[in-house]
Protein backbone atom coordinates (compact mmCIF):
# COMPACT_ATOMS: atom_id res chain seq x y z
CA MET A 1 24.48 -39.80 26.30
CA PRO A 2 23.76 -37.04 28.81
CA GLU A 3 20.18 -36.56 29.83
CA VAL A 4 18.58 -33.69 27.97
CA GLY A 5 17.85 -30.80 30.26
CA SER A 6 19.97 -32.03 33.18
CA GLY A 7 21.09 -29.12 35.30
CA GLU A 8 18.98 -26.64 33.36
CA PRO A 9 16.89 -23.99 35.08
CA GLN A 10 13.16 -24.52 35.15
CA VAL A 11 11.66 -23.39 31.83
CA SER A 12 7.93 -23.22 31.13
CA SER A 13 6.34 -25.02 28.21
CA LEU A 14 5.45 -21.71 26.59
CA THR A 15 9.05 -20.53 26.85
CA LYS A 16 10.25 -23.76 25.29
CA ILE A 17 7.88 -23.22 22.39
CA SER A 18 9.19 -19.66 21.99
CA ILE A 19 12.80 -20.90 22.05
CA ALA A 20 12.10 -23.49 19.36
CA GLU A 21 10.22 -21.00 17.20
CA GLN A 22 12.97 -18.41 17.54
CA ILE A 23 15.67 -20.85 16.45
CA GLU A 24 13.47 -22.14 13.63
CA TYR A 25 13.28 -18.56 12.44
CA TYR A 26 17.08 -18.27 12.47
CA PHE A 27 17.34 -21.34 10.24
CA GLY A 28 14.22 -20.50 8.22
CA ASP A 29 14.10 -19.37 4.60
CA PHE A 30 13.49 -15.69 5.32
CA ASN A 31 16.47 -15.25 7.61
CA MET A 32 18.92 -17.59 5.90
CA MET A 33 18.50 -15.80 2.57
CA LYS A 34 19.91 -12.56 3.97
CA ASP A 35 21.83 -13.54 7.11
CA LYS A 36 25.45 -13.45 5.97
CA PHE A 37 26.79 -14.67 9.28
CA LEU A 38 24.63 -17.80 9.45
CA LYS A 39 25.13 -18.44 5.74
CA ALA A 40 28.85 -18.51 6.35
CA GLU A 41 28.53 -20.65 9.50
CA VAL A 42 26.44 -23.36 7.83
CA GLN A 43 29.23 -23.83 5.31
CA LYS A 44 31.41 -25.15 8.15
CA ASN A 45 31.22 -28.44 10.08
CA ASP A 46 28.46 -29.86 7.87
CA GLY A 47 26.20 -26.99 8.88
CA TRP A 48 26.41 -27.60 12.65
CA ILE A 49 26.43 -24.43 14.80
CA PRO A 50 27.17 -24.51 18.55
CA ILE A 51 24.21 -23.53 20.70
CA LYS A 52 26.48 -21.16 22.64
CA THR A 53 26.94 -19.19 19.40
CA LEU A 54 23.18 -18.86 18.91
CA LEU A 55 22.77 -17.79 22.54
CA ARG A 56 24.60 -14.59 21.65
CA PHE A 57 21.62 -13.60 19.52
CA ASN A 58 19.71 -11.09 21.63
CA ARG A 59 16.19 -12.35 21.04
CA LEU A 60 17.16 -15.90 21.94
CA ALA A 61 19.24 -14.69 24.87
CA ALA A 62 16.16 -12.87 26.16
CA LEU A 63 14.42 -16.25 26.38
CA THR A 64 17.29 -18.30 27.80
CA LYS A 65 21.02 -18.26 28.33
CA ASP A 66 21.31 -22.00 28.96
CA GLU A 67 22.27 -24.58 26.32
CA ASN A 68 20.27 -27.30 28.06
CA SER A 69 17.12 -25.20 27.86
CA VAL A 70 17.52 -25.11 24.08
CA LEU A 71 17.97 -28.88 23.94
CA ALA A 72 14.92 -29.33 26.15
CA ALA A 73 12.90 -27.03 23.91
CA PHE A 74 13.51 -29.24 20.86
CA LYS A 75 12.96 -32.40 22.87
CA ASP A 76 9.45 -31.17 23.69
CA ASN A 77 8.93 -29.52 20.29
CA PRO A 78 10.56 -31.65 17.56
CA SER A 79 11.29 -29.77 14.34
CA GLU A 80 11.49 -30.88 10.71
CA LEU A 81 13.68 -27.88 9.96
CA VAL A 82 16.22 -27.96 12.81
CA GLU A 83 18.38 -30.99 13.61
CA VAL A 84 19.79 -31.43 17.12
CA ASP A 85 23.14 -32.92 18.17
CA VAL A 86 22.56 -33.48 21.91
CA ASP A 87 26.04 -34.81 22.70
CA ASN A 88 27.86 -31.85 21.17
CA LYS A 89 25.18 -29.30 21.99
CA ARG A 90 24.84 -27.95 18.50
CA LEU A 91 22.12 -27.42 15.88
CA ARG A 92 21.85 -27.21 12.12
CA ARG A 93 19.32 -26.57 9.38
CA ASN A 94 18.02 -29.74 7.75
CA PRO A 95 20.53 -30.36 4.91
CA ASN A 96 17.67 -31.50 2.66
CA ARG A 97 16.11 -28.04 2.84
CA GLU A 98 17.87 -25.87 0.29
CA ILE A 99 18.14 -22.17 1.02
CA PRO A 100 16.05 -20.26 -1.57
CA GLU A 101 17.85 -17.91 -3.89
CA PRO A 102 16.60 -14.32 -3.72
CA GLY A 103 14.97 -13.20 -6.94
CA GLU A 104 11.70 -12.39 -8.66
CA ASN A 105 10.28 -15.90 -8.24
CA TRP A 106 10.89 -15.84 -4.50
CA ARG A 107 9.48 -12.33 -4.11
CA SER A 108 6.34 -13.32 -6.03
CA PHE A 109 5.99 -16.45 -3.93
CA VAL A 110 6.21 -14.42 -0.72
CA ALA A 111 3.93 -11.59 -1.93
CA ALA A 112 1.22 -14.09 -2.89
CA ARG A 113 0.80 -15.10 0.77
CA SER A 114 1.47 -11.75 2.46
CA VAL A 115 -1.05 -9.25 3.80
CA TYR A 116 -0.93 -5.59 4.80
CA VAL A 117 -2.32 -4.73 8.23
CA LYS A 118 -2.67 -1.15 9.52
CA GLY A 119 -3.99 0.44 12.70
CA PHE A 120 -1.50 -0.46 15.44
CA PRO A 121 -0.76 2.35 17.96
CA VAL A 122 2.48 3.93 16.78
CA GLU A 123 3.89 4.96 20.15
CA THR A 124 3.31 1.88 22.30
CA THR A 125 3.24 -1.18 20.03
CA THR A 126 6.32 -3.43 20.05
CA LEU A 127 7.24 -6.14 17.62
CA ASP A 128 6.57 -8.80 20.23
CA ASP A 129 3.09 -7.34 20.79
CA ILE A 130 2.32 -7.74 17.09
CA LEU A 131 3.82 -11.22 16.93
CA LYS A 132 1.75 -12.50 19.85
CA PHE A 133 -1.36 -10.89 18.38
CA MET A 134 -0.90 -12.30 14.86
CA GLN A 135 -0.09 -15.76 16.20
CA THR A 136 -3.62 -15.91 17.63
CA PHE A 137 -4.79 -16.25 14.00
CA GLY A 138 -2.51 -19.20 13.26
CA LYS A 139 1.07 -19.83 12.28
CA ILE A 140 2.95 -17.04 10.53
CA ASP A 141 6.25 -17.02 8.67
CA ASN A 142 7.15 -13.39 9.04
CA VAL A 143 6.09 -9.99 10.33
CA PHE A 144 7.68 -6.88 8.90
CA LYS A 145 7.17 -3.81 11.09
CA ARG A 146 7.13 -0.76 8.79
CA CYS A 147 8.98 2.37 9.97
CA TYR A 148 10.14 5.72 8.62
CA TYR A 149 13.07 7.92 9.56
CA ASP A 150 12.20 11.15 11.38
CA LYS A 151 14.92 13.56 10.26
CA ALA A 152 14.07 16.12 12.94
CA LEU A 153 14.35 13.62 15.80
CA LYS A 154 16.95 11.50 13.99
CA GLU A 155 15.23 8.25 14.84
CA TRP A 156 13.03 5.61 13.26
CA LYS A 157 9.29 5.82 13.93
CA PHE A 158 6.68 3.08 13.56
CA LYS A 159 4.12 3.75 10.82
CA GLY A 160 1.43 1.71 12.53
CA SER A 161 1.36 -0.93 9.78
CA VAL A 162 3.01 -4.28 9.07
CA PHE A 163 3.39 -6.86 6.32
CA VAL A 164 2.53 -10.35 7.55
CA THR A 165 3.54 -13.46 5.61
CA PHE A 166 1.60 -16.67 6.22
CA PRO A 167 2.88 -20.18 5.41
CA THR A 168 0.31 -20.56 2.61
CA ARG A 169 -2.00 -18.33 0.59
CA GLU A 170 -4.99 -20.22 1.96
CA GLU A 171 -4.06 -19.24 5.53
CA ALA A 172 -3.66 -15.62 4.44
CA GLU A 173 -7.10 -15.73 2.77
CA LYS A 174 -8.57 -17.13 5.97
CA PHE A 175 -7.21 -14.16 7.94
CA LEU A 176 -8.49 -11.62 5.40
CA ALA A 177 -11.92 -13.24 5.46
CA ILE A 178 -12.37 -12.36 9.14
CA GLY A 179 -14.88 -9.54 9.28
CA SER A 180 -13.58 -7.31 12.06
CA VAL A 181 -10.12 -7.47 13.64
CA LYS A 182 -9.19 -5.10 16.47
CA PHE A 183 -5.94 -4.43 18.30
CA ALA A 184 -5.98 -2.40 21.53
CA GLY A 185 -9.47 -1.23 20.58
CA ASN A 186 -8.40 -0.07 17.10
CA GLU A 187 -10.13 -1.49 14.04
CA LEU A 188 -7.40 -2.83 11.74
CA ILE A 189 -7.30 -2.31 7.99
CA LYS A 190 -6.24 -5.48 6.21
CA LYS A 191 -5.71 -6.29 2.54
CA TRP A 192 -3.38 -8.21 0.26
CA GLN A 193 0.12 -6.79 0.24
CA MET A 194 0.07 -6.77 -3.58
CA ASP A 195 -3.14 -4.70 -3.57
CA TYR A 196 -1.60 -2.23 -1.15
CA VAL A 197 1.55 -1.91 -3.27
CA GLU A 198 -0.53 -1.33 -6.40
CA GLU A 199 -2.65 1.28 -4.62
CA LYS A 200 0.45 3.15 -3.46
CA LYS A 201 1.88 2.97 -6.98
CA ASN A 202 -1.29 4.51 -8.43
CA GLU A 203 -1.36 7.09 -5.63
CA ARG A 204 2.20 8.17 -6.39
CA LEU A 205 1.38 8.37 -10.10
CA GLU A 206 -1.71 10.47 -9.36
CA ASN A 207 0.27 12.79 -7.09
CA LYS A 208 2.92 13.12 -9.78
CA MET A 209 0.27 14.09 -12.32
CA LYS A 210 -1.26 16.59 -9.90
CA ALA A 211 2.15 18.12 -9.26
CA LYS A 212 2.74 18.40 -13.00
CA GLU A 213 -0.67 20.04 -13.52
CA ALA A 214 0.00 22.43 -10.64
CA LYS A 215 3.36 23.38 -12.14
CA GLU A 216 1.80 23.97 -15.55
CA LYS A 217 -0.94 26.09 -13.99
CA LEU A 218 1.64 28.13 -12.11
CA LEU A 219 3.62 28.73 -15.28
CA LYS A 220 0.46 29.65 -17.16
CA ASP A 221 -0.60 32.07 -14.43
CA GLN A 222 2.85 33.63 -14.52
CA ALA A 223 2.63 33.96 -18.28
CA GLN A 224 -0.83 35.52 -18.08
CA ALA A 225 0.44 37.97 -15.47
CA GLU A 226 3.29 38.99 -17.77
CA LEU A 227 0.92 39.34 -20.69
CA LYS A 228 -1.34 41.65 -18.68
CA ARG A 229 1.62 43.88 -18.06
CA ASP A 230 2.15 44.16 -21.81
CA GLN A 231 0.85 47.27 -23.58
CA LYS A 232 -2.56 46.91 -25.18
CA LEU A 233 -2.79 46.99 -28.97
CA PRO A 234 -3.13 50.55 -30.31
CA THR A 235 -6.44 51.81 -31.68
CA GLY A 236 -6.94 53.92 -34.78
CA ALA A 237 -4.01 52.03 -36.25
CA MET A 238 -5.51 49.56 -38.73
CA ILE A 239 -6.27 49.53 -42.45
CA GLN A 240 -7.73 46.88 -44.75
CA LEU A 241 -6.27 46.08 -48.17
CA HIS A 242 -8.36 44.80 -51.13
CA GLY A 243 -7.42 43.27 -54.50
CA ILE A 244 -4.23 41.39 -53.54
CA LYS A 245 -2.86 38.93 -56.11
CA ASP A 246 -3.25 35.24 -55.36
CA ASP A 247 0.49 34.54 -55.49
CA LEU A 248 1.58 37.50 -53.34
CA SER A 249 3.30 36.52 -50.11
CA VAL A 250 2.94 38.37 -46.80
CA THR A 251 6.71 38.97 -46.76
CA THR A 252 6.62 40.70 -50.16
CA LEU A 253 3.58 42.75 -49.16
CA LYS A 254 5.11 43.93 -45.88
CA LYS A 255 8.49 44.69 -47.47
CA ASN A 256 6.86 46.80 -50.21
CA LEU A 257 4.86 48.90 -47.73
CA ILE A 258 7.84 49.53 -45.45
CA GLU A 259 10.28 50.40 -48.24
CA ASN A 260 7.94 52.51 -50.36
CA TYR A 261 5.87 54.26 -47.70
CA GLN A 262 7.97 53.95 -44.52
CA TRP A 263 5.02 52.51 -42.66
CA ASN A 264 5.81 51.46 -39.06
CA ILE A 265 3.98 48.16 -39.29
CA GLY A 266 3.33 46.09 -36.21
CA TYR A 267 1.43 43.18 -37.71
CA VAL A 268 0.02 41.97 -41.05
CA GLU A 269 -2.81 39.44 -41.05
CA PHE A 270 -2.78 37.79 -44.45
CA SER A 271 -2.97 34.27 -45.82
CA ALA A 272 -1.58 33.32 -49.22
CA GLY A 273 -4.30 33.07 -51.83
CA GLU A 274 -6.53 35.62 -50.07
CA SER A 275 -7.44 38.90 -51.79
CA ASN A 276 -7.79 40.89 -48.55
CA ALA A 277 -5.37 41.69 -45.72
CA TYR A 278 -5.24 43.74 -42.51
CA VAL A 279 -2.32 45.93 -41.59
CA ARG A 280 -1.88 47.10 -38.00
CA PHE A 281 0.54 49.91 -37.20
CA GLN A 282 2.52 50.23 -33.99
CA GLU A 283 1.49 53.77 -33.03
CA GLU A 284 -1.90 54.90 -31.76
CA ASN A 285 -4.06 56.71 -34.36
CA SER A 286 -1.45 56.26 -37.10
CA ALA A 287 -3.71 54.69 -39.76
CA LYS A 288 -5.00 58.01 -41.18
CA ASP A 289 -1.47 59.35 -41.48
CA ALA A 290 -0.43 56.21 -43.33
CA LEU A 291 -3.32 56.50 -45.77
CA SER A 292 -2.39 60.10 -46.46
CA LYS A 293 0.83 58.86 -48.07
CA LEU A 294 -1.17 56.95 -50.71
CA LYS A 295 -2.66 58.45 -53.86
CA ASP A 296 -6.39 57.75 -53.96
CA ASN A 297 -5.88 55.32 -51.04
CA SER A 298 -4.25 52.80 -53.35
CA PHE A 299 -0.85 51.50 -54.43
CA GLU A 300 0.58 48.99 -56.92
CA ILE A 301 2.55 45.78 -56.46
CA ASP A 302 3.70 43.92 -59.59
CA GLY A 303 1.26 45.93 -61.72
CA VAL A 304 -1.73 45.10 -59.54
CA THR A 305 -3.62 47.96 -57.88
CA ILE A 306 -4.41 47.38 -54.22
CA LYS A 307 -7.01 49.51 -52.45
CA ALA A 308 -6.67 50.57 -48.78
CA GLU A 309 -9.36 51.73 -46.37
CA LEU A 310 -9.46 52.72 -42.70
CA VAL A 311 -10.78 50.16 -40.22
CA GLU A 312 -12.64 51.77 -37.35
CA GLY A 313 -15.61 51.45 -34.99
CA GLU A 314 -17.01 48.04 -34.04
CA LYS A 315 -15.11 46.31 -36.80
CA GLU A 316 -11.80 47.60 -35.41
CA VAL A 317 -12.73 46.53 -31.86
CA GLU A 318 -13.63 43.03 -33.05
CA LEU A 319 -10.42 42.64 -35.07
CA LEU A 320 -8.25 44.00 -32.25
CA GLN A 321 -9.77 41.51 -29.82
CA LYS A 322 -9.05 38.66 -32.20
CA MET A 323 -5.49 39.87 -32.85
CA GLU A 324 -4.85 40.33 -29.14
CA ALA A 325 -6.10 36.81 -28.38
CA ASP A 326 -3.88 35.38 -31.13
CA LYS A 327 -0.92 37.39 -29.88
CA ASN A 328 -1.43 36.27 -26.28
CA SER A 329 -1.74 32.64 -27.38
CA ARG A 330 1.54 32.82 -29.30
CA MET A 331 3.30 34.57 -26.41
CA LEU A 332 1.97 32.02 -23.92
CA GLN A 333 3.18 29.12 -26.04
CA ASN A 334 6.61 30.70 -26.39
CA PHE A 335 6.72 31.44 -22.66
CA MET A 336 5.83 27.86 -21.71
CA LYS A 337 8.33 26.49 -24.20
CA HIS A 338 11.03 28.70 -22.77
CA LYS A 339 10.18 27.77 -19.17
CA ASN A 340 10.31 24.05 -19.89
CA LYS A 341 13.46 24.26 -21.97
CA GLY A 342 16.85 23.17 -20.69
CA GLY A 343 16.36 19.45 -20.14
CA LYS A 344 16.09 17.51 -16.95
CA ARG A 345 18.18 18.37 -14.00
CA ASN A 346 21.00 16.04 -13.23
CA LYS A 347 19.54 14.29 -10.27
CA GLY A 348 22.23 11.64 -10.13
CA PHE A 349 21.54 8.16 -8.90
CA ARG A 350 19.01 7.74 -6.15
CA GLN A 351 19.46 4.59 -4.19
CA LYS A 352 16.32 2.61 -3.67
CA GLY A 353 17.81 1.35 -0.46
CA ARG A 354 16.15 -1.72 0.83
CA ARG A 355 15.48 -1.69 4.50
CA ASN A 356 18.59 -3.15 6.04
CA ASN A 357 18.32 -6.26 8.16
CA GLU A 358 19.11 -5.22 11.67
CA ASP A 359 19.33 -8.85 12.59
CA ASN A 360 23.00 -8.51 11.69
CA ASN A 361 23.94 -5.91 14.28
CA ASP A 362 25.83 -8.26 16.57
CA LYS A 363 27.52 -9.89 13.64
CA GLY A 364 29.23 -6.69 12.77
CA GLU A 365 27.00 -6.18 9.73
CA ALA A 366 26.36 -2.61 8.70
CA THR A 367 23.22 -1.59 10.56
CA ASN A 368 20.42 0.65 9.50
CA LYS A 369 18.28 1.07 12.62
CA LYS A 370 15.15 0.97 10.64
CA ASP A 371 12.13 -1.24 10.72
CA GLU A 372 11.66 -4.12 13.06
CA THR A 373 10.65 -7.34 11.55
CA ASN A 374 9.39 -10.45 12.86
CA LYS A 375 9.34 -12.82 15.42
CA LYS A 376 12.54 -13.48 15.85
CA GLU A 377 14.27 -10.56 14.82
CA ASP A 378 17.66 -10.83 16.04
CA GLU A 379 20.87 -9.19 16.68
CA ALA A 380 23.40 -11.71 16.05
CA PRO A 381 26.31 -13.32 17.44
CA ALA A 382 29.85 -13.90 17.58
CA GLN A 383 32.95 -12.16 18.62
CA ALA A 384 35.14 -10.16 16.32
CA SER A 385 37.35 -13.12 15.70
CA SER A 386 34.52 -15.34 14.57
CA ASP A 387 33.12 -12.49 12.48
CA LYS A 388 36.39 -12.23 10.62
CA ALA A 389 36.49 -15.96 10.18
CA SER A 390 33.04 -15.92 8.64
CA GLY A 391 33.89 -13.08 6.30
CA SER A 392 31.71 -10.59 8.20
CA PRO A 393 32.98 -7.14 9.22
CA THR A 394 34.61 -6.78 12.61
CA LEU A 395 32.20 -6.50 15.53
CA LYS A 396 31.93 -2.83 16.42
CA ARG A 397 29.77 -3.05 19.53
CA LYS A 398 29.97 -5.00 22.75
CA PRO A 399 27.35 -7.74 23.15
CA GLU A 400 25.93 -6.03 26.21
CA ASP A 401 25.24 -2.93 24.13
CA ASN A 402 22.70 -4.85 22.09
CA ALA A 403 20.26 -5.78 24.80
CA ASN A 404 17.39 -3.47 23.91
CA ASP A 405 16.32 -4.94 20.61
CA ASP A 406 12.85 -3.39 20.57
CA GLN A 407 14.31 0.00 21.48
CA THR A 408 16.78 -0.12 18.61
CA ALA A 409 14.21 -1.36 16.09
CA LYS A 410 15.93 -4.62 15.26
CA LYS A 411 14.54 -6.86 12.64
CA THR A 412 15.03 -9.96 10.80
CA LYS A 413 11.96 -11.22 9.37
CA SER A 414 11.44 -10.16 5.87
CA ASP A 415 12.87 -6.78 5.42
CA GLU A 416 13.00 -7.53 1.75
């Protein structure tokens, strides 16, 4: 058996630890669940993957380009997750560790031990900076660097916040219990990821309600403006009727007055069963002229004599105000009903679009240069031929084009 590390360049203990951690991330639950290339590779050769294949992953290649350095890293840092075949210089995930299936149970399990941390400088903070910082509080499973797409600049920008997943809920609680945590002089906000998600959900709901109220207020203001442009109700145009039969309807009353006296009636205020009614004419000062067409200010309907008298002075003002308020209320309701009519617009389907895992760039996976994620984010391997063999799309970029992983916002840890 060849001696582990023979012929390898000198590698520090810290670098060996970083190499082992990076490869453990590749074979870890978070990455294996979504890494199509590695998922395909572990189906071959009993799960064994040549180290030279892994060395094409940019984040590992940034640590070392030598197979012996990788072997030496696991010699000094044995792993329960990664098995090492020294003779054939290859690695595999422990076959006894099943890859979790993505689903609600897994998401709940992850969320229960994940925290939200905000306050990192947006312009200067790299993923590696955050990883090194968070590792000072203990072991972490994943860091998800949250970004948004700037349409004007056509690039992804860091939001200044991350989701950090700890191995256990107890370790996450220990981190949250720390009173004050600062990064580059900035006080960090920290809370459970589930609390943050719930807060944002309530915030969006509140904003939606405010937008709805603002829209309704705008429509109401528009309606009021239109109503103000309407002509005021005429004065000197109202009479009161007395002695109406209990069973007389407003339709019959109005029809009789129009047909028999040619009154130009604008409105009749009358409720069935009442003995009194108010008639408002459309023209200004037309009430006296209407009364002049009646004999003794009275008329008959179905043998019942109905008396009519002019409404004027304070009583007329009071009634006109009431009628105008009723009229405006009806018009406003009709206006609002008309404005809101027509159903919902056809908005089509809006994709929720999970943040794509940029760890698959070098594997020929479709890339969405979005958020960086953890420790070991990665831009994967293999040549076009191996991509095709694994069922992945053909590699569209040269390996040397993928060197600047922090610049291109690569990610692999938990962009779920």
